Amino acid sequence: MSATTRFDYALHTSIAEVDPAAWNRCAGACPHLQHAFFLALERTGSVGPSLGVVPRYLVLRSPVGEVLACAPAMLKTGTWREYGPEHTWLRKAAAAGWPVWPKLQVGIPLHPVAGPKLLVPPGAPAAQLQAALVNVLHEIAGRLGIMAVNVMQIEAGVAAALEQRGALVSGELRSIWHNPGYASFDEYLATLPSRKRRQALVEGRRFARLSLEVRTLHGHEITPPLVRNFYEGFRRVCARHGSVPWLPEAMFHELVAVMPDAVVIEAAFDGGRFVAGSFGLRDGHTLFRLPWGAMLPLRHLALDLICHRPKAYAIEHGLRRIDAGVAAPHKTCRGYAEEPAFNAHWFLDERLRALAHAVRSRVAMSASPLTT
């Protein structure tokens, strides 16, 4: 794209208004960025005005209608469902009586999945098109009186470029596991320091004493009753932590129906009775571990399904990476690395900007190359 390249842009209220093939060409392989994933969110009522998350898909097109770039944006109003430092300064500003909504946020609704968000097709001039997307976001924000523009959970290189464009960059740590090409889970265990290897073996024996059958099920093998049981377990896990599910049951049924090749459930059974399960999405490279559900709070079952079994699955299926979500000690001490993901923020309200800078200055980001 040259400096004189012209484009048109549109904010679509539904992903159904965008050609699936054109969107997916920009999105790449990540299942959370696929056209079908966003359509599932809409169809199941997982997003919408009543939830404070209103889709606004930004698409840049050439004068002849070719999709040049796109971004999964949303208008956010009155919702506290945020991640990382954004949650801190949002609450502080609201407590001070300052305006914090509406916001224009680029990211995956309700899913803090790290990776590209300013989407361009292969071979396109990424830096120029991403800059064009940001310019349009700012134009829209100024016209609509939006308080902030955020681009969430992005890579270090993109965050550095956006920082050069005046963004405040924050970050948070995620739990990631890398598979260099282990032939088996036993081979992986042999590479661990003796203390961690012993811990994994002890936890494996404790899980074995539960005498449960674990089945690995992919989309076409997953039945509606299994999804219902998983969701009940998910609801119970949330309740035990004082929260409620952030996705409706219908979303999981829809993902199985429209993205069967991406869905995997590791489910534990006592006889024929469902006990627990871990829901995930995958592409050819990465397993994204999503919510887990358990009928009973069995610690060794949780450690197996959340920490150990995903690694065995990745090794068996030749996946190179597991994205296990926001970093947590129980993951880190079981072999998951803490890796940073970055967020870029612009503020139209000076008080909010000052507050965000003050909060950020107190947040240690030891892993961030952008703040050293």
Protein backbone atom coordinates (compact mmCIF):
# COMPACT_ATOMS: atom_id res chain seq x y z
CA MET A 1 0.00 0.00 0.00
CA SER A 2 1.57 3.27 -1.08
CA ALA A 3 1.10 6.64 0.59
CA THR A 4 -1.49 7.47 -2.07
CA THR A 5 -3.53 4.28 -1.73
CA ARG A 6 -7.18 5.08 -1.14
CA PHE A 7 -9.55 3.04 0.95
CA ASP A 8 -13.04 3.17 2.33
CA TYR A 9 -14.00 1.96 5.76
CA ALA A 10 -17.12 0.71 7.46
CA LEU A 11 -18.14 -0.21 10.99
CA HIS A 12 -20.33 -3.29 10.73
CA THR A 13 -22.82 -4.07 13.49
CA SER A 14 -22.73 -7.79 12.68
CA ILE A 15 -19.97 -10.03 11.37
CA ALA A 16 -22.64 -11.46 9.05
CA GLU A 17 -22.25 -8.27 7.00
CA VAL A 18 -18.63 -9.20 6.20
CA ASP A 19 -17.64 -11.87 3.69
CA PRO A 20 -16.35 -14.88 5.72
CA ALA A 21 -13.53 -15.74 3.34
CA ALA A 22 -12.26 -12.16 3.21
CA TRP A 23 -12.37 -11.82 7.01
CA ASN A 24 -10.66 -15.18 7.61
CA ARG A 25 -7.93 -14.33 5.11
CA CYS A 26 -7.00 -11.42 7.36
CA ALA A 27 -7.57 -13.30 10.61
CA GLY A 28 -5.30 -16.27 10.00
CA ALA A 29 -5.66 -19.60 11.78
CA CYS A 30 -6.50 -18.51 15.35
CA PRO A 31 -9.98 -19.96 16.09
CA HIS A 32 -10.96 -16.97 18.26
CA LEU A 33 -10.53 -14.64 15.30
CA GLN A 34 -12.54 -16.68 12.82
CA HIS A 35 -15.72 -15.30 11.28
CA ALA A 36 -17.65 -18.28 12.71
CA PHE A 37 -16.47 -17.52 16.26
CA PHE A 38 -17.77 -13.94 16.21
CA LEU A 39 -21.00 -15.07 14.58
CA ALA A 40 -21.43 -17.63 17.39
CA LEU A 41 -21.03 -14.86 19.99
CA GLU A 42 -23.79 -12.88 18.27
CA ARG A 43 -26.17 -15.78 17.69
CA THR A 44 -26.02 -16.95 21.30
CA GLY A 45 -26.50 -13.55 22.90
CA SER A 46 -22.98 -13.60 24.35
CA VAL A 47 -22.58 -9.97 23.25
CA GLY A 48 -25.11 -7.17 22.91
CA PRO A 49 -26.26 -3.84 24.35
CA SER A 50 -27.70 -5.39 27.52
CA LEU A 51 -24.25 -6.82 28.30
CA GLY A 52 -22.38 -3.60 27.55
CA VAL A 53 -20.44 -5.20 24.68
CA VAL A 54 -21.69 -4.11 21.25
CA PRO A 55 -19.80 -5.41 18.18
CA ARG A 56 -18.44 -2.90 15.70
CA TYR A 57 -16.31 -4.73 13.16
CA LEU A 58 -13.96 -2.31 11.41
CA VAL A 59 -13.19 -3.17 7.78
CA LEU A 60 -10.96 -1.25 5.36
CA ARG A 61 -11.76 -1.81 1.69
CA SER A 62 -10.22 -0.67 -1.54
CA PRO A 63 -12.33 1.48 -3.89
CA VAL A 64 -13.30 -1.74 -5.74
CA GLY A 65 -14.46 -3.46 -2.53
CA GLU A 66 -11.45 -5.65 -1.75
CA VAL A 67 -10.94 -6.16 2.01
CA LEU A 68 -7.55 -4.66 2.88
CA ALA A 69 -7.60 -5.02 6.68
CA CYS A 70 -10.02 -5.46 9.55
CA ALA A 71 -10.28 -5.33 13.33
CA PRO A 72 -12.73 -6.94 15.78
CA ALA A 73 -13.84 -3.81 17.62
CA MET A 74 -16.63 -3.30 20.12
CA LEU A 75 -18.29 -0.44 21.91
CA LYS A 76 -18.14 -1.03 25.64
CA THR A 77 -20.53 0.66 28.05
CA GLY A 78 -21.05 0.04 31.75
CA THR A 79 -19.23 -3.28 31.94
CA TRP A 80 -16.53 -4.22 34.45
CA ARG A 81 -15.43 -7.26 32.47
CA GLU A 82 -11.89 -6.12 31.79
CA TYR A 83 -8.41 -7.56 32.14
CA GLY A 84 -5.12 -6.34 33.56
CA PRO A 85 -4.47 -2.67 34.45
CA GLU A 86 -7.51 -1.57 32.43
CA HIS A 87 -9.74 -2.90 35.20
CA THR A 88 -7.83 -0.93 37.86
CA TRP A 89 -7.99 2.50 36.31
CA LEU A 90 -11.54 2.00 35.06
CA ARG A 91 -12.77 1.48 38.62
CA LYS A 92 -10.66 4.32 40.02
CA ALA A 93 -12.03 6.75 37.43
CA ALA A 94 -15.62 5.69 38.04
CA ALA A 95 -15.12 6.09 41.80
CA ALA A 96 -13.87 9.64 41.16
CA GLY A 97 -16.99 10.40 39.13
CA TRP A 98 -15.16 10.76 35.83
CA PRO A 99 -16.60 9.57 32.51
CA VAL A 100 -15.19 6.19 31.48
CA TRP A 101 -17.71 5.02 28.88
CA PRO A 102 -18.27 4.52 26.06
CA LYS A 103 -14.97 2.97 24.99
CA LEU A 104 -13.94 1.63 21.61
CA GLN A 105 -11.99 -1.56 22.20
CA VAL A 106 -10.31 -3.87 19.73
CA GLY A 107 -10.04 -7.42 20.98
CA ILE A 108 -11.91 -10.69 21.35
CA PRO A 109 -15.04 -10.14 23.44
CA LEU A 110 -14.85 -11.93 26.81
CA HIS A 111 -11.68 -13.82 25.77
CA PRO A 112 -8.24 -12.38 26.65
CA VAL A 113 -6.45 -14.30 23.90
CA ALA A 114 -3.05 -12.90 22.94
CA GLY A 115 -2.13 -12.38 19.29
CA PRO A 116 -2.94 -10.19 16.28
CA LYS A 117 -5.94 -7.86 16.56
CA LEU A 118 -5.19 -5.37 13.76
CA LEU A 119 -5.68 -7.95 11.04
CA VAL A 120 -4.09 -7.85 7.58
CA PRO A 121 -3.87 -10.59 4.94
CA PRO A 122 -0.61 -12.42 4.17
CA GLY A 123 1.79 -10.45 2.02
CA ALA A 124 0.12 -7.11 2.72
CA PRO A 125 2.07 -4.12 4.12
CA ALA A 126 1.18 -4.81 7.75
CA ALA A 127 2.66 -1.69 9.36
CA GLN A 128 0.91 0.70 6.97
CA LEU A 129 -2.46 -1.04 7.18
CA GLN A 130 -2.31 -1.32 10.96
CA ALA A 131 -1.54 2.41 11.14
CA ALA A 132 -4.53 3.07 8.88
CA LEU A 133 -6.78 1.01 11.17
CA VAL A 134 -5.60 3.00 14.20
CA ASN A 135 -6.18 6.30 12.39
CA VAL A 136 -9.74 5.26 11.58
CA LEU A 137 -10.36 4.16 15.17
CA HIS A 138 -9.30 7.60 16.38
CA GLU A 139 -11.47 9.33 13.78
CA ILE A 140 -14.48 7.30 14.92
CA ALA A 141 -13.74 7.94 18.59
CA GLY A 142 -13.51 11.68 18.08
CA ARG A 143 -16.75 11.77 16.12
CA LEU A 144 -18.68 9.72 18.69
CA GLY A 145 -17.25 11.31 21.83
CA ILE A 146 -15.69 8.06 23.02
CA MET A 147 -13.58 8.22 26.18
CA ALA A 148 -10.87 5.73 25.25
CA VAL A 149 -9.56 3.57 22.43
CA ASN A 150 -7.92 0.28 23.38
CA VAL A 151 -6.21 -2.45 21.37
CA MET A 152 -5.95 -5.46 23.67
CA GLN A 153 -3.68 -8.49 24.04
CA ILE A 154 -1.23 -7.78 21.22
CA GLU A 155 2.35 -8.76 20.42
CA ALA A 156 5.38 -6.77 21.58
CA GLY A 157 6.29 -5.51 18.10
CA VAL A 158 2.82 -4.13 17.41
CA ALA A 159 2.65 -2.60 20.89
CA ALA A 160 6.00 -0.86 20.36
CA ALA A 161 4.76 0.60 17.07
CA LEU A 162 1.56 1.84 18.72
CA GLU A 163 3.55 3.34 21.59
CA GLN A 164 5.36 5.40 18.96
CA ARG A 165 1.93 6.62 17.88
CA GLY A 166 1.17 7.95 21.33
CA ALA A 167 -0.40 4.92 22.99
CA LEU A 168 0.03 4.14 26.65
CA VAL A 169 1.16 0.52 26.69
CA SER A 170 0.31 -1.77 29.58
CA GLY A 171 0.76 -5.47 29.90
CA GLU A 172 0.03 -8.65 31.76
CA LEU A 173 1.55 -12.10 31.97
CA ARG A 174 0.09 -15.19 30.36
CA SER A 175 0.76 -18.88 30.92
CA ILE A 176 2.29 -20.41 27.80
CA TRP A 177 3.81 -23.83 27.25
CA HIS A 178 6.07 -24.58 24.29
CA ASN A 179 6.55 -27.99 22.73
CA PRO A 180 9.87 -28.17 20.84
CA GLY A 181 8.86 -31.53 19.39
CA TYR A 182 8.70 -34.06 22.21
CA ALA A 183 8.00 -37.60 21.03
CA SER A 184 6.01 -38.46 24.16
CA PHE A 185 4.89 -37.07 27.51
CA ASP A 186 7.51 -39.27 29.18
CA GLU A 187 10.21 -37.64 27.07
CA TYR A 188 8.96 -34.24 28.23
CA LEU A 189 9.01 -35.38 31.89
CA ALA A 190 12.61 -36.53 31.48
CA THR A 191 13.66 -32.97 30.61
CA LEU A 192 12.31 -31.51 33.86
CA PRO A 193 14.43 -30.79 36.92
CA SER A 194 14.15 -33.66 39.40
CA ARG A 195 11.89 -31.73 41.79
CA LYS A 196 9.34 -30.81 39.10
CA ARG A 197 9.50 -34.29 37.56
CA ARG A 198 8.82 -35.84 40.95
CA GLN A 199 5.92 -33.42 41.53
CA ALA A 200 4.34 -34.34 38.17
CA LEU A 201 4.69 -38.06 38.86
CA VAL A 202 3.21 -37.75 42.37
CA GLU A 203 0.26 -35.73 41.04
CA GLY A 204 -0.23 -38.29 38.28
CA ARG A 205 -0.42 -41.11 40.84
CA ARG A 206 -2.88 -39.15 42.97
CA PHE A 207 -5.07 -38.58 39.96
CA ALA A 208 -4.88 -42.27 39.05
CA ARG A 209 -6.24 -43.15 42.50
CA LEU A 210 -9.47 -41.36 41.59
CA SER A 211 -10.08 -44.25 39.13
CA LEU A 212 -11.64 -42.00 36.50
CA GLU A 213 -11.75 -42.57 32.77
CA VAL A 214 -10.57 -39.58 30.73
CA ARG A 215 -11.71 -39.31 27.13
CA THR A 216 -10.40 -36.87 24.56
CA LEU A 217 -13.32 -35.80 22.38
CA HIS A 218 -13.27 -33.63 19.27
CA GLY A 219 -16.14 -31.66 17.80
CA HIS A 220 -17.90 -34.41 15.87
CA GLU A 221 -17.73 -36.70 18.95
CA ILE A 222 -19.18 -34.16 21.41
CA THR A 223 -22.87 -34.60 22.14
CA PRO A 224 -25.35 -31.99 23.46
CA PRO A 225 -25.71 -33.87 26.79
CA LEU A 226 -21.94 -33.71 27.26
CA VAL A 227 -21.96 -29.97 26.63
CA ARG A 228 -24.79 -29.55 29.14
CA ASN A 229 -22.86 -31.54 31.74
CA PHE A 230 -19.70 -29.56 31.07
CA TYR A 231 -21.59 -26.29 31.45
CA GLU A 232 -23.10 -27.37 34.76
CA GLY A 233 -19.59 -28.16 35.97
CA PHE A 234 -18.40 -24.78 34.68
CA ARG A 235 -21.24 -23.07 36.54
CA ARG A 236 -20.27 -24.87 39.74
CA VAL A 237 -16.60 -23.91 39.40
CA CYS A 238 -17.61 -20.27 38.95
CA ALA A 239 -19.93 -20.47 41.98
CA ARG A 240 -17.16 -21.92 44.14
CA HIS A 241 -15.10 -18.81 43.28
CA GLY A 242 -17.96 -16.40 43.90
CA SER A 243 -18.73 -15.62 40.26
CA VAL A 244 -21.05 -16.62 37.45
CA PRO A 245 -20.31 -17.94 33.93
CA TRP A 246 -19.41 -15.16 31.51
CA LEU A 247 -20.70 -17.12 28.52
CA PRO A 248 -24.11 -18.78 28.06
CA GLU A 249 -24.39 -22.52 27.56
CA ALA A 250 -25.59 -21.89 24.02
CA MET A 251 -22.15 -20.54 23.07
CA PHE A 252 -20.49 -23.90 23.70
CA HIS A 253 -23.18 -25.77 21.75
CA GLU A 254 -22.74 -23.31 18.88
CA LEU A 255 -18.95 -23.70 18.81
CA VAL A 256 -19.29 -27.46 18.57
CA ALA A 257 -21.79 -27.05 15.73
CA VAL A 258 -19.99 -24.44 13.62
CA MET A 259 -16.31 -25.05 14.47
CA PRO A 260 -16.13 -28.83 15.08
CA ASP A 261 -12.56 -29.14 13.81
CA ALA A 262 -11.40 -26.61 16.40
CA VAL A 263 -13.19 -27.89 19.52
CA VAL A 264 -11.65 -30.40 21.93
CA ILE A 265 -12.91 -31.51 25.34
CA GLU A 266 -10.92 -33.60 27.81
CA ALA A 267 -13.68 -35.18 29.91
CA ALA A 268 -13.38 -37.34 33.03
CA PHE A 269 -16.05 -39.94 33.80
CA ASP A 270 -16.86 -42.16 36.76
CA GLY A 271 -18.44 -45.05 34.94
CA GLY A 272 -20.78 -43.28 32.57
CA ARG A 273 -21.23 -40.25 34.84
CA PHE A 274 -19.57 -36.98 33.85
CA VAL A 275 -17.27 -35.67 36.59
CA ALA A 276 -15.24 -32.87 34.97
CA GLY A 277 -14.03 -31.53 31.66
CA SER A 278 -11.75 -28.94 30.10
CA PHE A 279 -12.98 -27.12 26.99
CA GLY A 280 -10.46 -25.94 24.42
CA LEU A 281 -10.07 -24.61 20.90
CA ARG A 282 -7.15 -25.46 18.65
CA ASP A 283 -5.65 -24.73 15.29
CA GLY A 284 -2.75 -26.55 13.65
CA HIS A 285 -0.21 -24.93 15.97
CA THR A 286 -1.78 -23.95 19.30
CA LEU A 287 -4.18 -25.33 21.91
CA PHE A 288 -6.16 -22.58 23.62
CA ARG A 289 -7.37 -23.87 26.96
CA LEU A 290 -10.74 -22.35 27.80
CA PRO A 291 -12.98 -22.81 30.87
CA TRP A 292 -13.09 -26.03 32.77
CA GLY A 293 -15.99 -27.50 34.69
CA ALA A 294 -16.17 -29.94 37.59
CA MET A 295 -19.10 -31.32 39.51
CA LEU A 296 -16.95 -31.71 42.66
CA PRO A 297 -13.93 -29.73 43.90
CA LEU A 298 -11.31 -32.47 43.47
CA ARG A 299 -7.85 -30.84 43.52
CA HIS A 300 -5.93 -33.57 41.75
CA LEU A 301 -8.54 -33.74 39.02
CA ALA A 302 -8.18 -29.99 38.43
CA LEU A 303 -4.38 -30.16 38.22
CA ASP A 304 -4.55 -33.01 35.72
CA LEU A 305 -7.11 -31.41 33.39
CA ILE A 306 -5.77 -27.86 33.64
CA CYS A 307 -2.00 -28.38 33.76
CA HIS A 308 -0.78 -31.83 32.76
CA ARG A 309 -3.21 -33.37 30.29
CA PRO A 310 -3.15 -30.40 27.83
CA LYS A 311 0.61 -30.99 27.43
CA ALA A 312 0.08 -34.66 26.67
CA TYR A 313 -2.57 -33.68 24.12
CA ALA A 314 -0.29 -31.12 22.46
CA ILE A 315 2.55 -33.63 22.21
CA GLU A 316 0.32 -36.38 20.81
CA HIS A 317 -1.18 -34.07 18.17
CA GLY A 318 2.02 -32.26 17.20
CA LEU A 319 0.95 -28.85 18.52
CA ARG A 320 3.79 -26.47 19.32
CA ARG A 321 2.15 -24.29 21.93
CA ILE A 322 -0.49 -24.11 24.66
CA ASP A 323 -2.08 -20.79 25.59
CA ALA A 324 -3.43 -21.43 29.09
CA GLY A 325 -4.71 -17.92 29.75
CA VAL A 326 -3.71 -15.42 32.39
CA ALA A 327 -0.65 -16.47 34.37
CA ALA A 328 -1.24 -18.13 37.73
CA PRO A 329 1.10 -19.78 40.24
CA HIS A 330 -0.44 -23.25 39.87
CA LYS A 331 0.43 -23.15 36.17
CA THR A 332 3.87 -21.58 36.51
CA CYS A 333 5.13 -24.12 39.03
CA ARG A 334 3.99 -26.91 36.68
CA GLY A 335 6.06 -25.91 33.68
CA TYR A 336 4.16 -23.06 32.03
CA ALA A 337 6.24 -20.01 31.15
CA GLU A 338 5.08 -16.52 32.03
CA GLU A 339 5.07 -14.48 28.82
CA PRO A 340 3.83 -10.91 28.38
CA ALA A 341 0.95 -9.71 26.25
CA PHE A 342 0.45 -6.00 25.70
CA ASN A 343 -2.42 -3.53 25.53
CA ALA A 344 -2.37 -0.12 23.82
CA HIS A 345 -4.55 2.72 25.15
CA TRP A 346 -5.44 6.22 24.01
CA PHE A 347 -7.58 8.54 26.16
CA LEU A 348 -9.80 11.42 25.07
CA ASP A 349 -10.31 12.53 28.68
CA GLU A 350 -7.19 14.12 30.20
CA ARG A 351 -8.11 13.04 33.74
CA LEU A 352 -8.44 9.43 32.65
CA ARG A 353 -5.11 9.65 30.82
CA ALA A 354 -3.37 11.01 33.94
CA LEU A 355 -4.92 8.33 36.12
CA ALA A 356 -3.89 5.55 33.73
CA HIS A 357 -0.30 6.81 33.63
CA ALA A 358 -0.22 7.00 37.43
CA VAL A 359 -1.55 3.46 37.82
CA ARG A 360 0.80 2.13 35.18
CA SER A 361 3.82 3.70 36.88
CA ARG A 362 3.04 1.62 39.98
CA VAL A 363 2.60 -1.66 38.11
CA ALA A 364 5.77 -3.70 37.66
CA MET A 365 6.10 -5.23 34.20
CA SER A 366 9.40 -7.02 34.58
CA ALA A 367 8.90 -9.01 31.39
CA SER A 368 8.06 -6.03 29.21
CA PRO A 369 10.67 -4.80 26.71
CA LEU A 370 8.61 -1.64 26.32
CA THR A 371 9.04 -0.34 29.86
CA THR A 372 12.67 -0.97 30.64
